[in-house]
All heavy atoms as atom14 arrays in JSON, in Angstrom:
{
  "sequence": "MTVLEKISRGPFLDRRAEKLITDEAISKYAIRTPDAEKKVMEL",
  "atom14_mask": [
    [1, 1, 1, 1, 1, 1, 1, 1, 0, 0, 0, 0, 0, 0],
    [1, 1, 1, 1, 1, 1, 1, 0, 0, 0, 0, 0, 0, 0],
    [1, 1, 1, 1, 1, 1, 1, 0, 0, 0, 0, 0, 0, 0],
    [1, 1, 1, 1, 1, 1, 1, 1, 0, 0, 0, 0, 0, 0],
    [1, 1, 1, 1, 1, 1, 1, 1, 1, 0, 0, 0, 0, 0],
    [1, 1, 1, 1, 1, 1, 1, 1, 1, 0, 0, 0, 0, 0],
    [1, 1, 1, 1, 1, 1, 1, 1, 0, 0, 0, 0, 0, 0],
    [1, 1, 1, 1, 1, 1, 0, 0, 0, 0, 0, 0, 0, 0],
    [1, 1, 1, 1, 1, 1, 1, 1, 1, 1, 1, 0, 0, 0],
    [1, 1, 1, 1, 0, 0, 0, 0, 0, 0, 0, 0, 0, 0],
    [1, 1, 1, 1, 1, 1, 1, 0, 0, 0, 0, 0, 0, 0],
    [1, 1, 1, 1, 1, 1, 1, 1, 1, 1, 1, 0, 0, 0],
    [1, 1, 1, 1, 1, 1, 1, 1, 0, 0, 0, 0, 0, 0],
    [1, 1, 1, 1, 1, 1, 1, 1, 0, 0, 0, 0, 0, 0],
    [1, 1, 1, 1, 1, 1, 1, 1, 1, 1, 1, 0, 0, 0],
    [1, 1, 1, 1, 1, 1, 1, 1, 1, 1, 1, 0, 0, 0],
    [1, 1, 1, 1, 1, 0, 0, 0, 0, 0, 0, 0, 0, 0],
    [1, 1, 1, 1, 1, 1, 1, 1, 1, 0, 0, 0, 0, 0],
    [1, 1, 1, 1, 1, 1, 1, 1, 1, 0, 0, 0, 0, 0],
    [1, 1, 1, 1, 1, 1, 1, 1, 0, 0, 0, 0, 0, 0],
    [1, 1, 1, 1, 1, 1, 1, 1, 0, 0, 0, 0, 0, 0],
    [1, 1, 1, 1, 1, 1, 1, 0, 0, 0, 0, 0, 0, 0],
    [1, 1, 1, 1, 1, 1, 1, 1, 0, 0, 0, 0, 0, 0],
    [1, 1, 1, 1, 1, 1, 1, 1, 1, 0, 0, 0, 0, 0],
    [1, 1, 1, 1, 1, 0, 0, 0, 0, 0, 0, 0, 0, 0],
    [1, 1, 1, 1, 1, 1, 1, 1, 0, 0, 0, 0, 0, 0],
    [1, 1, 1, 1, 1, 1, 0, 0, 0, 0, 0, 0, 0, 0],
    [1, 1, 1, 1, 1, 1, 1, 1, 1, 0, 0, 0, 0, 0],
    [1, 1, 1, 1, 1, 1, 1, 1, 1, 1, 1, 1, 0, 0],
    [1, 1, 1, 1, 1, 0, 0, 0, 0, 0, 0, 0, 0, 0],
    [1, 1, 1, 1, 1, 1, 1, 1, 0, 0, 0, 0, 0, 0],
    [1, 1, 1, 1, 1, 1, 1, 1, 1, 1, 1, 0, 0, 0],
    [1, 1, 1, 1, 1, 1, 1, 0, 0, 0, 0, 0, 0, 0],
    [1, 1, 1, 1, 1, 1, 1, 0, 0, 0, 0, 0, 0, 0],
    [1, 1, 1, 1, 1, 1, 1, 1, 0, 0, 0, 0, 0, 0],
    [1, 1, 1, 1, 1, 0, 0, 0, 0, 0, 0, 0, 0, 0],
    [1, 1, 1, 1, 1, 1, 1, 1, 1, 0, 0, 0, 0, 0],
    [1, 1, 1, 1, 1, 1, 1, 1, 1, 0, 0, 0, 0, 0],
    [1, 1, 1, 1, 1, 1, 1, 1, 1, 0, 0, 0, 0, 0],
    [1, 1, 1, 1, 1, 1, 1, 0, 0, 0, 0, 0, 0, 0],
    [1, 1, 1, 1, 1, 1, 1, 1, 0, 0, 0, 0, 0, 0],
    [1, 1, 1, 1, 1, 1, 1, 1, 1, 0, 0, 0, 0, 0],
    [1, 1, 1, 1, 1, 1, 1, 1, 0, 0, 0, 0, 0, 0]
  ],
  "atom14_positions": [
    [[-8.76, 14.91, -2.11], [-9.31, 14.68, -3.43], [-8.27, 14.6, -4.53], [-8.5, 13.96, -5.58], [-10.4, 15.77, -3.82], [-9.86, 17.2, -3.89], [-11.1, 18.33, -4.5], [-12.45, 18.06, -3.54], [0.0, 0.0, 0.0], [0.0, 0.0, 0.0], [0.0, 0.0, 0.0], [0.0, 0.0, 0.0], [0.0, 0.0, 0.0], [0.0, 0.0, 0.0]],
    [[-7.17, 15.25, -4.33], [-6.1, 15.24, -5.45], [-5.25, 13.98, -5.32], [-4.39, 13.81, -6.16], [-5.18, 16.49, -5.29], [-4.62, 16.68, -4.02], [-6.07, 17.76, -5.7], [0.0, 0.0, 0.0], [0.0, 0.0, 0.0], [0.0, 0.0, 0.0], [0.0, 0.0, 0.0], [0.0, 0.0, 0.0], [0.0, 0.0, 0.0], [0.0, 0.0, 0.0]],
    [[-5.26, 13.2, -4.21], [-4.36, 12.08, -4.08], [-5.17, 10.76, -3.9], [-4.6, 9.78, -3.41], [-3.43, 12.34, -2.85], [-2.47, 13.5, -3.01], [-4.34, 12.49, -1.5], [0.0, 0.0, 0.0], [0.0, 0.0, 0.0], [0.0, 0.0, 0.0], [0.0, 0.0, 0.0], [0.0, 0.0, 0.0], [0.0, 0.0, 0.0], [0.0, 0.0, 0.0]],
    [[-6.37, 10.76, -4.33], [-7.18, 9.51, -4.21], [-6.45, 8.23, -4.93], [-6.46, 7.09, -4.34], [-8.61, 9.77, -4.75], [-9.41, 10.73, -3.99], [-10.8, 10.86, -4.71], [-9.54, 10.31, -2.51], [0.0, 0.0, 0.0], [0.0, 0.0, 0.0], [0.0, 0.0, 0.0], [0.0, 0.0, 0.0], [0.0, 0.0, 0.0], [0.0, 0.0, 0.0]],
    [[-5.9, 8.49, -6.09], [-5.23, 7.48, -6.76], [-4.05, 6.8, -5.98], [-3.8, 5.64, -5.96], [-4.74, 7.85, -8.05], [-5.93, 8.16, -9.16], [-5.45, 8.67, -10.41], [-4.07, 8.73, -10.57], [-6.19, 8.9, -11.37], [0.0, 0.0, 0.0], [0.0, 0.0, 0.0], [0.0, 0.0, 0.0], [0.0, 0.0, 0.0], [0.0, 0.0, 0.0]],
    [[-3.36, 7.75, -5.17], [-2.16, 7.34, -4.5], [-2.47, 6.76, -3.17], [-1.59, 6.11, -2.57], [-1.26, 8.63, -4.27], [-0.83, 9.2, -5.6], [0.04, 10.45, -5.26], [0.5, 11.03, -6.65], [1.29, 12.33, -6.51], [0.0, 0.0, 0.0], [0.0, 0.0, 0.0], [0.0, 0.0, 0.0], [0.0, 0.0, 0.0], [0.0, 0.0, 0.0]],
    [[-3.75, 6.87, -2.65], [-4.07, 6.21, -1.45], [-5.18, 5.16, -1.64], [-5.84, 4.99, -0.59], [-4.43, 7.35, -0.4], [-5.65, 8.06, -0.87], [-3.4, 8.2, 0.03], [-6.26, 8.98, 0.27], [0.0, 0.0, 0.0], [0.0, 0.0, 0.0], [0.0, 0.0, 0.0], [0.0, 0.0, 0.0], [0.0, 0.0, 0.0], [0.0, 0.0, 0.0]],
    [[-5.14, 4.66, -2.81], [-6.18, 3.53, -2.96], [-5.5, 2.24, -3.2], [-4.33, 2.09, -3.64], [-6.97, 3.82, -4.26], [-7.7, 5.04, -4.2], [0.0, 0.0, 0.0], [0.0, 0.0, 0.0], [0.0, 0.0, 0.0], [0.0, 0.0, 0.0], [0.0, 0.0, 0.0], [0.0, 0.0, 0.0], [0.0, 0.0, 0.0], [0.0, 0.0, 0.0]],
    [[-6.16, 1.18, -2.75], [-5.7, -0.24, -2.98], [-6.72, -0.82, -3.79], [-7.74, -1.34, -3.35], [-5.55, -0.94, -1.68], [-4.46, -0.28, -0.77], [-4.4, -1.03, 0.61], [-3.37, -0.51, 1.48], [-3.22, -0.85, 2.75], [-3.9, -1.81, 3.27], [-2.24, -0.26, 3.43], [0.0, 0.0, 0.0], [0.0, 0.0, 0.0], [0.0, 0.0, 0.0]],
    [[-6.44, -0.8, -5.11], [-7.46, -1.39, -6.04], [-8.66, -0.42, -6.05], [-8.44, 0.83, -6.14], [0.0, 0.0, 0.0], [0.0, 0.0, 0.0], [0.0, 0.0, 0.0], [0.0, 0.0, 0.0], [0.0, 0.0, 0.0], [0.0, 0.0, 0.0], [0.0, 0.0, 0.0], [0.0, 0.0, 0.0], [0.0, 0.0, 0.0], [0.0, 0.0, 0.0]],
    [[-9.81, -0.99, -5.92], [-11.01, -0.21, -5.85], [-11.35, 0.43, -4.46], [-12.33, 1.2, -4.32], [-12.1, -1.06, -6.3], [-11.73, -2.39, -5.81], [-10.13, -2.45, -5.86], [0.0, 0.0, 0.0], [0.0, 0.0, 0.0], [0.0, 0.0, 0.0], [0.0, 0.0, 0.0], [0.0, 0.0, 0.0], [0.0, 0.0, 0.0], [0.0, 0.0, 0.0]],
    [[-10.54, 0.24, -3.57], [-10.72, 0.67, -2.23], [-9.83, 1.74, -1.71], [-8.51, 1.55, -1.97], [-10.64, -0.51, -1.17], [-11.61, -1.6, -1.59], [-11.17, -2.82, -2.12], [-13.01, -1.58, -1.27], [-12.02, -3.82, -2.54], [-13.84, -2.57, -1.63], [-13.32, -3.75, -2.29], [0.0, 0.0, 0.0], [0.0, 0.0, 0.0], [0.0, 0.0, 0.0]],
    [[-10.33, 2.7, -0.95], [-9.5, 3.63, -0.42], [-8.82, 3.24, 0.93], [-9.39, 2.45, 1.72], [-10.32, 5.04, 0.03], [-10.59, 6.08, -1.13], [-11.57, 7.07, -0.43], [-9.31, 6.69, -1.52], [0.0, 0.0, 0.0], [0.0, 0.0, 0.0], [0.0, 0.0, 0.0], [0.0, 0.0, 0.0], [0.0, 0.0, 0.0], [0.0, 0.0, 0.0]],
    [[-7.59, 3.69, 1.05], [-6.87, 3.38, 2.28], [-7.26, 4.36, 3.24], [-6.79, 5.51, 3.35], [-5.34, 3.4, 2.08], [-4.64, 3.07, 3.3], [-5.1, 3.16, 4.41], [-3.4, 2.74, 3.13], [0.0, 0.0, 0.0], [0.0, 0.0, 0.0], [0.0, 0.0, 0.0], [0.0, 0.0, 0.0], [0.0, 0.0, 0.0], [0.0, 0.0, 0.0]],
    [[-8.27, 4.04, 4.17], [-8.85, 5.01, 5.1], [-7.88, 5.44, 6.09], [-7.94, 6.66, 6.54], [-10.06, 4.44, 5.84], [-11.2, 4.03, 4.88], [-11.83, 5.19, 4.3], [-13.0, 4.96, 3.45], [-13.72, 5.85, 2.81], [-13.26, 7.16, 2.84], [-14.7, 5.53, 2.07], [0.0, 0.0, 0.0], [0.0, 0.0, 0.0], [0.0, 0.0, 0.0]],
    [[-6.89, 4.73, 6.48], [-5.84, 5.08, 7.43], [-5.06, 6.13, 6.88], [-4.69, 7.11, 7.4], [-5.08, 3.88, 7.92], [-3.92, 4.15, 8.85], [-3.25, 3.02, 9.39], [-2.19, 3.26, 10.24], [-1.02, 3.69, 10.02], [-0.67, 3.77, 8.74], [-0.12, 3.94, 10.96], [0.0, 0.0, 0.0], [0.0, 0.0, 0.0], [0.0, 0.0, 0.0]],
    [[-4.57, 6.0, 5.57], [-3.78, 7.0, 4.89], [-4.62, 8.3, 4.7], [-4.04, 9.42, 4.93], [-3.26, 6.45, 3.6], [0.0, 0.0, 0.0], [0.0, 0.0, 0.0], [0.0, 0.0, 0.0], [0.0, 0.0, 0.0], [0.0, 0.0, 0.0], [0.0, 0.0, 0.0], [0.0, 0.0, 0.0], [0.0, 0.0, 0.0], [0.0, 0.0, 0.0]],
    [[-5.86, 8.28, 4.42], [-6.76, 9.38, 4.26], [-6.84, 10.07, 5.5], [-6.72, 11.32, 5.61], [-8.13, 8.89, 3.7], [-9.08, 10.03, 3.39], [-10.33, 9.48, 3.03], [-10.92, 8.41, 3.61], [-11.06, 10.09, 2.18], [0.0, 0.0, 0.0], [0.0, 0.0, 0.0], [0.0, 0.0, 0.0], [0.0, 0.0, 0.0], [0.0, 0.0, 0.0]],
    [[-6.93, 9.31, 6.57], [-7.12, 10.04, 7.95], [-5.8, 10.68, 8.35], [-5.86, 11.85, 8.91], [-7.5, 9.06, 8.99], [-7.67, 9.59, 10.44], [-8.1, 8.54, 11.42], [-8.47, 9.08, 12.71], [-7.51, 9.9, 13.34], [0.0, 0.0, 0.0], [0.0, 0.0, 0.0], [0.0, 0.0, 0.0], [0.0, 0.0, 0.0], [0.0, 0.0, 0.0]],
    [[-4.7, 10.06, 8.07], [-3.46, 10.68, 8.45], [-3.19, 12.05, 7.69], [-2.73, 13.01, 8.24], [-2.3, 9.75, 8.12], [-2.07, 8.48, 8.99], [-1.01, 7.47, 8.46], [-1.61, 9.03, 10.35], [0.0, 0.0, 0.0], [0.0, 0.0, 0.0], [0.0, 0.0, 0.0], [0.0, 0.0, 0.0], [0.0, 0.0, 0.0], [0.0, 0.0, 0.0]],
    [[-3.54, 12.0, 6.42], [-3.34, 13.21, 5.51], [-4.22, 14.36, 6.16], [-3.73, 15.57, 6.33], [-3.67, 12.97, 4.07], [-2.61, 12.12, 3.43], [-3.83, 14.29, 3.28], [-2.87, 11.53, 2.11], [0.0, 0.0, 0.0], [0.0, 0.0, 0.0], [0.0, 0.0, 0.0], [0.0, 0.0, 0.0], [0.0, 0.0, 0.0], [0.0, 0.0, 0.0]],
    [[-5.46, 14.05, 6.33], [-6.42, 15.01, 7.0], [-6.04, 15.55, 8.27], [-6.12, 16.74, 8.55], [-7.79, 14.44, 6.84], [-8.17, 13.82, 5.77], [-8.86, 15.56, 7.36], [0.0, 0.0, 0.0], [0.0, 0.0, 0.0], [0.0, 0.0, 0.0], [0.0, 0.0, 0.0], [0.0, 0.0, 0.0], [0.0, 0.0, 0.0], [0.0, 0.0, 0.0]],
    [[-5.78, 14.66, 9.21], [-5.29, 14.95, 10.53], [-3.99, 15.97, 10.54], [-4.0, 16.87, 11.31], [-5.02, 13.89, 11.36], [-6.39, 13.12, 11.74], [-7.36, 13.57, 11.5], [-6.21, 11.89, 12.19], [0.0, 0.0, 0.0], [0.0, 0.0, 0.0], [0.0, 0.0, 0.0], [0.0, 0.0, 0.0], [0.0, 0.0, 0.0], [0.0, 0.0, 0.0]],
    [[-3.1, 15.58, 9.58], [-1.89, 16.29, 9.48], [-2.23, 17.82, 9.0], [-1.73, 18.83, 9.57], [-0.95, 15.74, 8.43], [0.36, 16.55, 8.3], [1.27, 16.01, 7.11], [0.8, 15.2, 6.38], [2.39, 16.41, 7.07], [0.0, 0.0, 0.0], [0.0, 0.0, 0.0], [0.0, 0.0, 0.0], [0.0, 0.0, 0.0], [0.0, 0.0, 0.0]],
    [[-3.17, 17.91, 8.06], [-3.45, 19.21, 7.6], [-4.22, 20.06, 8.71], [-3.92, 21.25, 8.8], [-4.47, 19.18, 6.3], [0.0, 0.0, 0.0], [0.0, 0.0, 0.0], [0.0, 0.0, 0.0], [0.0, 0.0, 0.0], [0.0, 0.0, 0.0], [0.0, 0.0, 0.0], [0.0, 0.0, 0.0], [0.0, 0.0, 0.0], [0.0, 0.0, 0.0]],
    [[-5.14, 19.42, 9.46], [-5.82, 20.12, 10.47], [-4.89, 20.68, 11.53], [-5.01, 21.69, 12.11], [-6.85, 19.2, 11.07], [-8.09, 19.0, 10.09], [-7.51, 19.88, 12.42], [-9.07, 17.91, 10.54], [0.0, 0.0, 0.0], [0.0, 0.0, 0.0], [0.0, 0.0, 0.0], [0.0, 0.0, 0.0], [0.0, 0.0, 0.0], [0.0, 0.0, 0.0]],
    [[-3.92, 19.75, 11.88], [-2.89, 20.1, 12.88], [-1.86, 21.15, 12.38], [-1.62, 22.13, 13.1], [-2.14, 18.77, 13.33], [-1.16, 19.13, 14.3], [0.0, 0.0, 0.0], [0.0, 0.0, 0.0], [0.0, 0.0, 0.0], [0.0, 0.0, 0.0], [0.0, 0.0, 0.0], [0.0, 0.0, 0.0], [0.0, 0.0, 0.0], [0.0, 0.0, 0.0]],
    [[-1.42, 20.94, 11.24], [-0.27, 21.72, 10.65], [-0.79, 23.14, 10.48], [-0.05, 24.17, 10.76], [0.21, 21.17, 9.27], [1.28, 22.0, 8.6], [1.66, 21.26, 7.34], [2.81, 22.03, 6.63], [3.2, 21.24, 5.42], [0.0, 0.0, 0.0], [0.0, 0.0, 0.0], [0.0, 0.0, 0.0], [0.0, 0.0, 0.0], [0.0, 0.0, 0.0]],
    [[-2.08, 23.3, 9.98], [-2.5, 24.68, 9.69], [-3.53, 25.21, 10.75], [-4.14, 26.2, 10.52], [-3.25, 24.62, 8.29], [-2.22, 24.32, 7.14], [-2.27, 23.24, 6.36], [-1.14, 25.34, 7.0], [-1.29, 22.97, 5.36], [-0.19, 25.01, 6.01], [-0.24, 23.86, 5.16], [0.6, 23.67, 4.17], [0.0, 0.0, 0.0], [0.0, 0.0, 0.0]],
    [[-3.69, 24.5, 11.79], [-4.55, 24.97, 12.92], [-5.98, 25.28, 12.38], [-6.52, 26.26, 12.72], [-3.98, 26.1, 13.67], [0.0, 0.0, 0.0], [0.0, 0.0, 0.0], [0.0, 0.0, 0.0], [0.0, 0.0, 0.0], [0.0, 0.0, 0.0], [0.0, 0.0, 0.0], [0.0, 0.0, 0.0], [0.0, 0.0, 0.0], [0.0, 0.0, 0.0]],
    [[-6.54, 24.28, 11.63], [-7.94, 24.44, 11.12], [-8.94, 24.3, 12.24], [-8.94, 23.32, 12.91], [-8.17, 23.38, 9.94], [-7.14, 23.63, 8.79], [-9.65, 23.64, 9.45], [-7.33, 22.57, 7.67], [0.0, 0.0, 0.0], [0.0, 0.0, 0.0], [0.0, 0.0, 0.0], [0.0, 0.0, 0.0], [0.0, 0.0, 0.0], [0.0, 0.0, 0.0]],
    [[-9.73, 25.27, 12.45], [-10.62, 25.36, 13.58], [-11.9, 24.49, 13.17], [-12.69, 24.94, 12.36], [-11.07, 26.7, 13.94], [-9.99, 27.62, 14.51], [-10.49, 28.9, 14.9], [-9.35, 29.81, 15.36], [-9.54, 31.01, 15.82], [-10.83, 31.56, 15.77], [-8.61, 31.75, 16.29], [0.0, 0.0, 0.0], [0.0, 0.0, 0.0], [0.0, 0.0, 0.0]],
    [[-11.98, 23.26, 13.73], [-13.15, 22.5, 13.33], [-13.26, 21.37, 14.48], [-12.24, 20.91, 15.05], [-12.93, 21.77, 12.11], [-14.04, 20.83, 11.65], [-11.61, 20.98, 12.0], [0.0, 0.0, 0.0], [0.0, 0.0, 0.0], [0.0, 0.0, 0.0], [0.0, 0.0, 0.0], [0.0, 0.0, 0.0], [0.0, 0.0, 0.0], [0.0, 0.0, 0.0]],
    [[-14.45, 20.95, 14.8], [-14.69, 19.91, 15.82], [-14.15, 18.63, 15.28], [-13.74, 17.61, 16.02], [-16.21, 19.84, 15.99], [-16.77, 20.44, 14.78], [-15.8, 21.51, 14.32], [0.0, 0.0, 0.0], [0.0, 0.0, 0.0], [0.0, 0.0, 0.0], [0.0, 0.0, 0.0], [0.0, 0.0, 0.0], [0.0, 0.0, 0.0], [0.0, 0.0, 0.0]],
    [[-14.14, 18.36, 13.97], [-13.69, 17.04, 13.47], [-13.49, 17.23, 11.87], [-13.89, 18.23, 11.29], [-14.63, 15.93, 13.71], [-16.12, 16.19, 13.1], [-16.36, 16.43, 11.91], [-17.07, 16.27, 13.95], [0.0, 0.0, 0.0], [0.0, 0.0, 0.0], [0.0, 0.0, 0.0], [0.0, 0.0, 0.0], [0.0, 0.0, 0.0], [0.0, 0.0, 0.0]],
    [[-12.97, 16.18, 11.29], [-12.6, 16.19, 9.88], [-13.85, 16.04, 8.84], [-13.69, 16.26, 7.78], [-11.59, 15.03, 9.52], [0.0, 0.0, 0.0], [0.0, 0.0, 0.0], [0.0, 0.0, 0.0], [0.0, 0.0, 0.0], [0.0, 0.0, 0.0], [0.0, 0.0, 0.0], [0.0, 0.0, 0.0], [0.0, 0.0, 0.0], [0.0, 0.0, 0.0]],
    [[-14.98, 15.75, 9.52], [-16.16, 15.43, 8.72], [-17.04, 16.79, 8.5], [-17.95, 16.68, 7.89], [-17.02, 14.39, 9.28], [-16.29, 13.07, 9.35], [-15.74, 12.68, 8.0], [-16.47, 12.73, 6.95], [-14.5, 12.24, 7.93], [0.0, 0.0, 0.0], [0.0, 0.0, 0.0], [0.0, 0.0, 0.0], [0.0, 0.0, 0.0], [0.0, 0.0, 0.0]],
    [[-16.63, 17.92, 9.09], [-17.29, 19.17, 8.97], [-17.25, 19.58, 7.51], [-16.22, 19.48, 6.82], [-16.73, 20.1, 9.95], [-17.66, 21.41, 9.97], [-17.01, 22.4, 10.99], [-17.89, 23.7, 11.18], [-19.27, 23.26, 11.87], [0.0, 0.0, 0.0], [0.0, 0.0, 0.0], [0.0, 0.0, 0.0], [0.0, 0.0, 0.0], [0.0, 0.0, 0.0]],
    [[-18.44, 19.96, 7.0], [-18.47, 20.52, 5.58], [-17.68, 21.77, 5.48], [-17.83, 22.71, 6.42], [-19.96, 20.7, 5.24], [-20.76, 19.43, 5.15], [-22.19, 19.71, 4.65], [-23.02, 18.43, 4.55], [-24.47, 18.71, 4.17], [0.0, 0.0, 0.0], [0.0, 0.0, 0.0], [0.0, 0.0, 0.0], [0.0, 0.0, 0.0], [0.0, 0.0, 0.0]],
    [[-16.96, 21.91, 4.41], [-16.16, 23.11, 4.3], [-16.94, 24.46, 4.16], [-16.46, 25.57, 4.43], [-15.15, 23.01, 3.21], [-14.04, 22.05, 3.44], [-15.83, 22.81, 1.88], [0.0, 0.0, 0.0], [0.0, 0.0, 0.0], [0.0, 0.0, 0.0], [0.0, 0.0, 0.0], [0.0, 0.0, 0.0], [0.0, 0.0, 0.0], [0.0, 0.0, 0.0]],
    [[-18.16, 24.34, 3.67], [-19.09, 25.56, 3.54], [-19.37, 26.12, 4.93], [-19.73, 27.27, 5.07], [-20.35, 25.15, 2.84], [-21.28, 24.18, 3.56], [-22.71, 23.64, 2.55], [-23.46, 25.21, 2.33], [0.0, 0.0, 0.0], [0.0, 0.0, 0.0], [0.0, 0.0, 0.0], [0.0, 0.0, 0.0], [0.0, 0.0, 0.0], [0.0, 0.0, 0.0]],
    [[-19.22, 25.39, 5.95], [-19.44, 25.83, 7.39], [-18.28, 26.45, 7.98], [-18.34, 26.83, 9.18], [-20.09, 24.6, 8.18], [-21.32, 24.03, 7.7], [-21.82, 22.74, 8.35], [-20.98, 22.23, 9.11], [-22.92, 22.37, 8.19], [0.0, 0.0, 0.0], [0.0, 0.0, 0.0], [0.0, 0.0, 0.0], [0.0, 0.0, 0.0], [0.0, 0.0, 0.0]],
    [[-17.12, 26.44, 7.35], [-15.89, 26.98, 7.9], [-15.76, 28.45, 7.52], [-16.35, 28.95, 6.56], [-14.7, 26.27, 7.27], [-14.61, 24.72, 7.62], [-13.31, 24.29, 6.95], [-14.45, 24.5, 9.13], [0.0, 0.0, 0.0], [0.0, 0.0, 0.0], [0.0, 0.0, 0.0], [0.0, 0.0, 0.0], [0.0, 0.0, 0.0], [0.0, 0.0, 0.0]]
  ]
}
């Protein structure tokens, strides 16, 4: 959410860049989740 401007191409989000950032966070910090779409309230 803090880097949306940096990973946007005009009015569109760069989904690949978004996925890379999220996957890196999940891997780097060993976040226990089945996938990146899990709501954080359930963590």
